[in-house]
N, C-alpha and C. Protein backbone atom coordinates (compact mmCIF):
# COMPACT_ATOMS: atom_id res chain seq x y z
N MET A 1 148.47 174.42 69.62
CA MET A 1 147.39 173.62 69.06
C MET A 1 146.09 173.99 69.77
N THR A 2 145.01 174.12 69.00
CA THR A 2 143.70 174.40 69.55
C THR A 2 142.72 173.36 69.04
N LEU A 3 142.05 172.71 69.98
CA LEU A 3 141.02 171.75 69.61
C LEU A 3 139.69 172.47 69.53
N VAL A 4 138.81 172.00 68.65
CA VAL A 4 137.52 172.63 68.46
C VAL A 4 136.43 171.58 68.70
N LEU A 5 135.58 171.82 69.69
CA LEU A 5 134.56 170.83 70.03
C LEU A 5 133.48 170.68 68.97
N ASN A 6 133.23 171.71 68.16
CA ASN A 6 132.19 171.55 67.15
C ASN A 6 132.60 170.57 66.06
N LYS A 7 133.85 170.14 66.06
CA LYS A 7 134.33 169.14 65.11
C LYS A 7 134.62 167.81 65.81
N ALA A 8 134.22 167.69 67.06
CA ALA A 8 134.51 166.49 67.85
C ALA A 8 133.55 165.36 67.50
N THR A 9 134.00 164.13 67.73
CA THR A 9 133.18 162.94 67.53
C THR A 9 133.05 162.20 68.85
N THR A 10 131.83 161.91 69.24
CA THR A 10 131.57 161.09 70.42
C THR A 10 131.42 159.65 69.94
N VAL A 11 132.13 158.72 70.59
CA VAL A 11 132.08 157.32 70.21
C VAL A 11 131.36 156.55 71.31
N LEU A 12 130.28 155.87 70.94
CA LEU A 12 129.52 155.08 71.90
C LEU A 12 129.59 153.60 71.53
N PRO A 13 129.75 152.72 72.53
CA PRO A 13 129.75 151.29 72.25
C PRO A 13 128.33 150.79 72.03
N VAL A 14 128.17 149.90 71.06
CA VAL A 14 126.87 149.29 70.80
C VAL A 14 127.03 147.79 70.64
N ASP A 15 126.08 147.06 71.18
CA ASP A 15 126.10 145.60 71.07
C ASP A 15 125.50 145.13 69.75
N ASP A 16 124.45 145.81 69.31
CA ASP A 16 123.74 145.44 68.09
C ASP A 16 123.67 146.67 67.19
N ALA A 17 124.51 146.69 66.15
CA ALA A 17 124.64 147.88 65.29
C ALA A 17 123.32 148.23 64.60
N ALA A 18 122.60 147.25 64.11
CA ALA A 18 121.34 147.51 63.40
C ALA A 18 120.30 148.09 64.36
N ARG A 19 120.20 147.53 65.53
CA ARG A 19 119.24 148.03 66.53
C ARG A 19 119.59 149.46 66.93
N ALA A 20 120.88 149.72 67.15
CA ALA A 20 121.33 151.06 67.53
C ALA A 20 121.10 152.06 66.40
N ARG A 21 121.39 151.66 65.17
CA ARG A 21 121.17 152.53 64.01
C ARG A 21 119.70 152.94 63.94
N HIS A 22 118.80 151.98 64.12
CA HIS A 22 117.37 152.26 64.12
C HIS A 22 117.01 153.25 65.23
N PHE A 23 117.52 153.05 66.44
CA PHE A 23 117.21 153.94 67.56
C PHE A 23 117.66 155.37 67.27
N TYR A 24 118.91 155.54 66.85
CA TYR A 24 119.44 156.88 66.64
C TYR A 24 118.84 157.57 65.41
N ALA A 25 118.60 156.82 64.34
CA ALA A 25 118.05 157.41 63.12
C ALA A 25 116.54 157.59 63.21
N ASP A 26 115.83 156.55 63.59
CA ASP A 26 114.38 156.59 63.53
C ASP A 26 113.73 157.13 64.80
N THR A 27 114.23 156.74 65.96
CA THR A 27 113.63 157.20 67.21
C THR A 27 114.08 158.60 67.56
N LEU A 28 115.41 158.85 67.52
CA LEU A 28 115.92 160.18 67.87
C LEU A 28 115.95 161.13 66.69
N GLY A 29 115.92 160.61 65.48
CA GLY A 29 115.88 161.47 64.30
C GLY A 29 117.21 162.09 63.90
N LEU A 30 118.32 161.49 64.32
CA LEU A 30 119.63 162.03 63.94
C LEU A 30 119.94 161.65 62.50
N PRO A 31 120.57 162.56 61.74
CA PRO A 31 120.91 162.25 60.35
C PRO A 31 122.03 161.21 60.26
N HIS A 32 121.74 160.11 59.57
CA HIS A 32 122.73 159.03 59.38
C HIS A 32 123.65 159.43 58.25
N ARG A 33 124.96 159.44 58.52
CA ARG A 33 125.95 159.89 57.54
C ARG A 33 126.59 158.75 56.77
N GLY A 34 126.39 157.52 57.24
CA GLY A 34 126.99 156.38 56.55
C GLY A 34 127.69 155.47 57.53
N VAL A 35 128.47 154.57 56.96
CA VAL A 35 129.17 153.56 57.74
C VAL A 35 130.67 153.70 57.47
N ALA A 36 131.45 153.76 58.54
CA ALA A 36 132.92 153.87 58.42
C ALA A 36 133.51 152.52 58.01
N ASP A 37 134.78 152.54 57.66
CA ASP A 37 135.48 151.32 57.23
C ASP A 37 135.43 150.21 58.28
N ASP A 38 135.39 150.59 59.56
CA ASP A 38 135.38 149.58 60.62
C ASP A 38 133.97 149.08 60.96
N GLY A 39 132.96 149.54 60.21
CA GLY A 39 131.58 149.11 60.45
C GLY A 39 130.80 150.00 61.39
N SER A 40 131.41 151.06 61.88
CA SER A 40 130.74 151.98 62.79
C SER A 40 129.78 152.87 62.01
N ASP A 41 128.58 153.05 62.56
CA ASP A 41 127.62 153.98 61.96
C ASP A 41 127.98 155.39 62.39
N LEU A 42 127.84 156.35 61.47
CA LEU A 42 128.15 157.74 61.74
C LEU A 42 126.89 158.59 61.61
N PHE A 43 126.70 159.48 62.57
CA PHE A 43 125.55 160.39 62.60
C PHE A 43 126.05 161.80 62.77
N GLY A 44 125.35 162.77 62.20
CA GLY A 44 125.70 164.17 62.40
C GLY A 44 125.38 165.00 61.18
N SER A 45 125.61 166.29 61.31
CA SER A 45 125.36 167.24 60.22
C SER A 45 126.70 167.70 59.66
N ASP A 46 126.69 168.14 58.42
CA ASP A 46 127.92 168.62 57.78
C ASP A 46 128.62 169.67 58.64
N GLY A 47 129.88 169.45 58.93
CA GLY A 47 130.69 170.42 59.65
C GLY A 47 130.46 170.48 61.14
N GLY A 48 129.52 169.71 61.66
CA GLY A 48 129.22 169.75 63.09
C GLY A 48 129.78 168.55 63.82
N PRO A 49 129.42 168.42 65.09
CA PRO A 49 129.88 167.26 65.86
C PRO A 49 129.30 165.97 65.28
N MET A 50 129.99 164.89 65.50
CA MET A 50 129.57 163.60 64.98
C MET A 50 129.37 162.61 66.13
N LEU A 51 128.55 161.62 65.86
CA LEU A 51 128.35 160.50 66.77
C LEU A 51 128.72 159.25 66.01
N GLN A 52 129.58 158.44 66.62
CA GLN A 52 130.02 157.19 66.00
C GLN A 52 129.57 156.04 66.90
N LEU A 53 128.84 155.09 66.33
CA LEU A 53 128.38 153.92 67.08
C LEU A 53 129.32 152.77 66.78
N MET A 54 130.13 152.42 67.75
CA MET A 54 131.18 151.43 67.57
C MET A 54 130.71 150.06 68.08
N PRO A 55 130.58 149.07 67.17
CA PRO A 55 130.19 147.74 67.63
C PRO A 55 131.24 147.15 68.57
N VAL A 56 130.76 146.60 69.69
CA VAL A 56 131.65 145.96 70.66
C VAL A 56 131.13 144.56 70.95
N ARG A 57 132.02 143.72 71.43
CA ARG A 57 131.63 142.34 71.75
C ARG A 57 131.53 142.11 73.26
N ASP A 58 132.14 142.99 74.04
CA ASP A 58 132.20 142.74 75.48
C ASP A 58 130.99 143.25 76.25
N GLY A 59 130.12 144.02 75.61
CA GLY A 59 128.93 144.52 76.27
C GLY A 59 129.19 145.54 77.36
N LYS A 60 130.40 146.09 77.42
CA LYS A 60 130.73 147.07 78.45
C LYS A 60 130.20 148.45 78.07
N HIS A 61 129.52 149.06 79.04
CA HIS A 61 128.98 150.39 78.85
C HIS A 61 129.25 151.20 80.11
N SER A 62 129.23 152.49 79.97
CA SER A 62 129.52 153.39 81.08
C SER A 62 128.37 153.43 82.08
N ASP A 63 128.69 153.73 83.33
CA ASP A 63 127.69 153.88 84.37
C ASP A 63 127.26 155.33 84.54
N HIS A 64 127.71 156.21 83.66
CA HIS A 64 127.35 157.63 83.76
C HIS A 64 126.85 158.12 82.40
N THR A 65 126.37 159.34 82.37
CA THR A 65 125.87 159.94 81.14
C THR A 65 127.00 160.01 80.11
N THR A 66 126.74 159.47 78.93
CA THR A 66 127.77 159.45 77.89
C THR A 66 127.56 160.54 76.85
N LEU A 67 126.35 161.06 76.74
CA LEU A 67 126.05 162.06 75.73
C LEU A 67 124.83 162.85 76.18
N SER A 68 124.89 164.16 76.05
CA SER A 68 123.77 165.01 76.42
C SER A 68 123.45 165.96 75.27
N PHE A 69 122.17 166.06 74.95
CA PHE A 69 121.70 166.92 73.88
C PHE A 69 121.09 168.17 74.49
N GLU A 70 121.56 169.34 74.11
CA GLU A 70 120.97 170.58 74.60
C GLU A 70 119.71 170.87 73.80
N VAL A 71 118.63 171.18 74.52
CA VAL A 71 117.35 171.50 73.89
C VAL A 71 116.84 172.83 74.44
N SER A 72 115.88 173.42 73.76
CA SER A 72 115.37 174.72 74.22
C SER A 72 114.11 174.59 75.05
N GLU A 73 113.32 173.55 74.84
CA GLU A 73 112.07 173.34 75.60
C GLU A 73 112.05 171.90 76.07
N ILE A 74 112.61 171.64 77.24
CA ILE A 74 112.79 170.26 77.68
C ILE A 74 111.47 169.54 77.90
N GLU A 75 110.47 170.21 78.46
CA GLU A 75 109.20 169.54 78.70
C GLU A 75 108.59 169.04 77.39
N LYS A 76 108.61 169.88 76.37
CA LYS A 76 108.09 169.51 75.05
C LYS A 76 108.94 168.39 74.44
N THR A 77 110.25 168.48 74.58
CA THR A 77 111.15 167.46 74.04
C THR A 77 110.88 166.11 74.69
N VAL A 78 110.77 166.08 76.01
CA VAL A 78 110.50 164.83 76.72
C VAL A 78 109.17 164.23 76.25
N GLU A 79 108.16 165.06 76.13
CA GLU A 79 106.85 164.58 75.68
C GLU A 79 106.94 163.98 74.27
N GLU A 80 107.61 164.67 73.37
CA GLU A 80 107.75 164.18 71.99
C GLU A 80 108.55 162.87 71.95
N MET A 81 109.62 162.80 72.74
CA MET A 81 110.43 161.60 72.75
C MET A 81 109.66 160.42 73.33
N GLU A 82 108.88 160.67 74.38
CA GLU A 82 108.06 159.60 74.95
C GLU A 82 107.06 159.07 73.92
N SER A 83 106.52 159.96 73.09
CA SER A 83 105.56 159.52 72.07
C SER A 83 106.22 158.61 71.03
N LYS A 84 107.56 158.67 70.95
CA LYS A 84 108.31 157.81 70.02
C LYS A 84 108.84 156.56 70.72
N GLY A 85 108.47 156.37 71.99
CA GLY A 85 108.86 155.15 72.70
C GLY A 85 110.05 155.28 73.62
N VAL A 86 110.64 156.47 73.75
CA VAL A 86 111.77 156.67 74.64
C VAL A 86 111.26 156.61 76.09
N GLN A 87 111.94 155.84 76.92
CA GLN A 87 111.56 155.71 78.33
C GLN A 87 112.57 156.46 79.18
N PHE A 88 112.10 157.46 79.90
CA PHE A 88 112.97 158.28 80.74
C PHE A 88 113.12 157.66 82.12
N GLN A 89 114.26 157.92 82.72
CA GLN A 89 114.56 157.41 84.06
C GLN A 89 114.03 158.40 85.09
N ASP A 90 113.58 157.89 86.21
CA ASP A 90 113.16 158.74 87.32
C ASP A 90 114.05 158.46 88.51
N TYR A 91 114.37 159.52 89.25
CA TYR A 91 115.26 159.41 90.40
C TYR A 91 114.62 160.08 91.60
N ASN A 92 114.86 159.48 92.76
CA ASN A 92 114.43 160.06 94.02
C ASN A 92 115.55 159.84 95.04
N LEU A 93 116.64 160.55 94.81
CA LEU A 93 117.83 160.45 95.65
C LEU A 93 118.00 161.77 96.41
N PRO A 94 118.82 161.78 97.46
CA PRO A 94 119.01 163.03 98.20
C PRO A 94 119.46 164.22 97.33
N ASP A 95 120.36 164.00 96.37
CA ASP A 95 120.85 165.12 95.55
C ASP A 95 120.26 165.12 94.13
N LEU A 96 119.40 164.19 93.82
CA LEU A 96 118.88 164.09 92.46
C LEU A 96 117.45 163.57 92.49
N LYS A 97 116.52 164.48 92.22
CA LYS A 97 115.10 164.11 92.18
C LYS A 97 114.52 164.59 90.86
N THR A 98 113.69 163.75 90.29
CA THR A 98 113.00 164.14 89.06
C THR A 98 111.51 164.29 89.33
N GLU A 99 110.91 165.19 88.59
CA GLU A 99 109.46 165.35 88.61
C GLU A 99 109.03 165.36 87.16
N ASN A 100 108.14 164.44 86.80
CA ASN A 100 107.77 164.25 85.39
C ASN A 100 109.02 164.00 84.55
N HIS A 101 109.94 163.22 85.10
CA HIS A 101 111.19 162.79 84.47
C HIS A 101 112.27 163.87 84.43
N ILE A 102 112.01 165.06 84.91
CA ILE A 102 112.95 166.18 84.77
C ILE A 102 113.51 166.61 86.12
N CYS A 103 114.83 166.72 86.19
CA CYS A 103 115.52 167.24 87.37
C CYS A 103 115.79 168.72 87.11
N THR A 104 115.41 169.57 88.05
CA THR A 104 115.59 171.01 87.89
C THR A 104 116.58 171.52 88.93
N THR A 105 117.62 172.21 88.46
CA THR A 105 118.59 172.85 89.34
C THR A 105 118.60 174.35 89.01
N GLU A 106 119.43 175.10 89.71
CA GLU A 106 119.54 176.53 89.42
C GLU A 106 119.99 176.79 87.98
N SER A 107 120.88 175.94 87.48
CA SER A 107 121.49 176.21 86.18
C SER A 107 120.89 175.45 85.00
N GLU A 108 120.18 174.34 85.26
CA GLU A 108 119.65 173.58 84.13
C GLU A 108 118.52 172.65 84.54
N LYS A 109 117.87 172.13 83.50
CA LYS A 109 116.88 171.08 83.65
C LYS A 109 117.41 169.89 82.85
N CYS A 110 117.32 168.68 83.42
CA CYS A 110 117.86 167.50 82.75
C CYS A 110 116.87 166.34 82.84
N ALA A 111 116.89 165.49 81.82
CA ALA A 111 116.12 164.25 81.82
C ALA A 111 116.98 163.17 81.18
N TRP A 112 117.06 162.00 81.82
CA TRP A 112 117.93 160.93 81.38
C TRP A 112 117.14 159.77 80.81
N PHE A 113 117.73 159.11 79.82
CA PHE A 113 117.14 157.93 79.20
C PHE A 113 118.26 157.04 78.71
N MET A 114 117.93 155.80 78.40
CA MET A 114 118.93 154.87 77.85
C MET A 114 118.64 154.65 76.38
N ASP A 115 119.72 154.48 75.63
CA ASP A 115 119.53 154.12 74.23
C ASP A 115 119.25 152.62 74.15
N SER A 116 119.13 152.10 72.96
CA SER A 116 118.82 150.68 72.77
C SER A 116 119.93 149.77 73.27
N GLU A 117 121.12 150.34 73.52
CA GLU A 117 122.29 149.55 73.94
C GLU A 117 122.66 149.78 75.40
N HIS A 118 121.82 150.43 76.13
CA HIS A 118 122.01 150.73 77.56
C HIS A 118 123.07 151.79 77.84
N ASN A 119 123.35 152.66 76.88
CA ASN A 119 124.16 153.85 77.13
C ASN A 119 123.23 154.89 77.74
N ILE A 120 123.71 155.60 78.75
CA ILE A 120 122.90 156.62 79.41
C ILE A 120 123.05 157.94 78.65
N LEU A 121 121.92 158.46 78.19
CA LEU A 121 121.88 159.71 77.45
C LEU A 121 121.04 160.72 78.21
N CYS A 122 121.16 161.98 77.83
CA CYS A 122 120.47 163.04 78.54
C CYS A 122 120.00 164.10 77.55
N VAL A 123 118.89 164.73 77.87
CA VAL A 123 118.52 165.99 77.23
C VAL A 123 118.56 167.03 78.33
N HIS A 124 119.09 168.20 78.02
CA HIS A 124 119.18 169.24 79.04
C HIS A 124 118.85 170.60 78.45
N GLU A 125 118.30 171.45 79.31
CA GLU A 125 117.99 172.83 78.94
C GLU A 125 118.72 173.73 79.92
N ASN A 126 119.57 174.60 79.40
CA ASN A 126 120.29 175.54 80.25
C ASN A 126 119.34 176.61 80.75
N ARG A 127 119.47 176.96 82.03
CA ARG A 127 118.64 178.00 82.62
C ARG A 127 119.45 179.28 82.84
N THR A 128 120.75 179.20 82.54
CA THR A 128 121.63 180.36 82.66
C THR A 128 122.42 180.49 81.37
N SER A 129 123.01 181.62 81.16
CA SER A 129 123.84 181.81 79.96
C SER A 129 125.24 181.31 80.22
N ALA A 130 126.00 181.13 79.17
CA ALA A 130 127.39 180.66 79.30
C ALA A 130 128.21 181.64 80.14
N ALA A 131 127.86 182.89 80.12
CA ALA A 131 128.60 183.92 80.89
C ALA A 131 128.41 183.72 82.40
N ASP A 132 127.35 183.01 82.80
CA ASP A 132 127.09 182.80 84.23
C ASP A 132 127.97 181.71 84.83
N TYR A 133 128.59 180.88 83.99
CA TYR A 133 129.44 179.79 84.49
C TYR A 133 130.82 180.33 84.89
N ARG A 134 131.30 179.88 86.00
CA ARG A 134 132.66 180.27 86.44
C ARG A 134 133.51 179.03 86.57
N ILE A 135 134.68 179.13 86.03
CA ILE A 135 135.60 177.99 86.07
C ILE A 135 136.69 178.28 87.07
């Protein structure tokens, strides 16, 4: 059996489905694909990865990044997202520092923000090719 990530679905918990739908569709600009039988909103492009917003009642959310979007020009992306009301997180920790909301390492640049439901999301720009990664 072989799994294919381009057909994978990321499921995020949301407290308020309408508020989350507005954030993902209008603020982030993701294509809304409809609503599943269980009331979950679906986002994505034909044949690609999907995002499912699952309504929850317990308000539990992860303490780590739940979804990261790869971008080609992170500085421009952050600026555009800020103009739409997205608020980026800033960090000043020993192993994680941001400048203008962006953390720069040898391999990537990252900027973190929260969605309307307090899920931690990220935009990142790779600074190396996939061939440079060693497992």
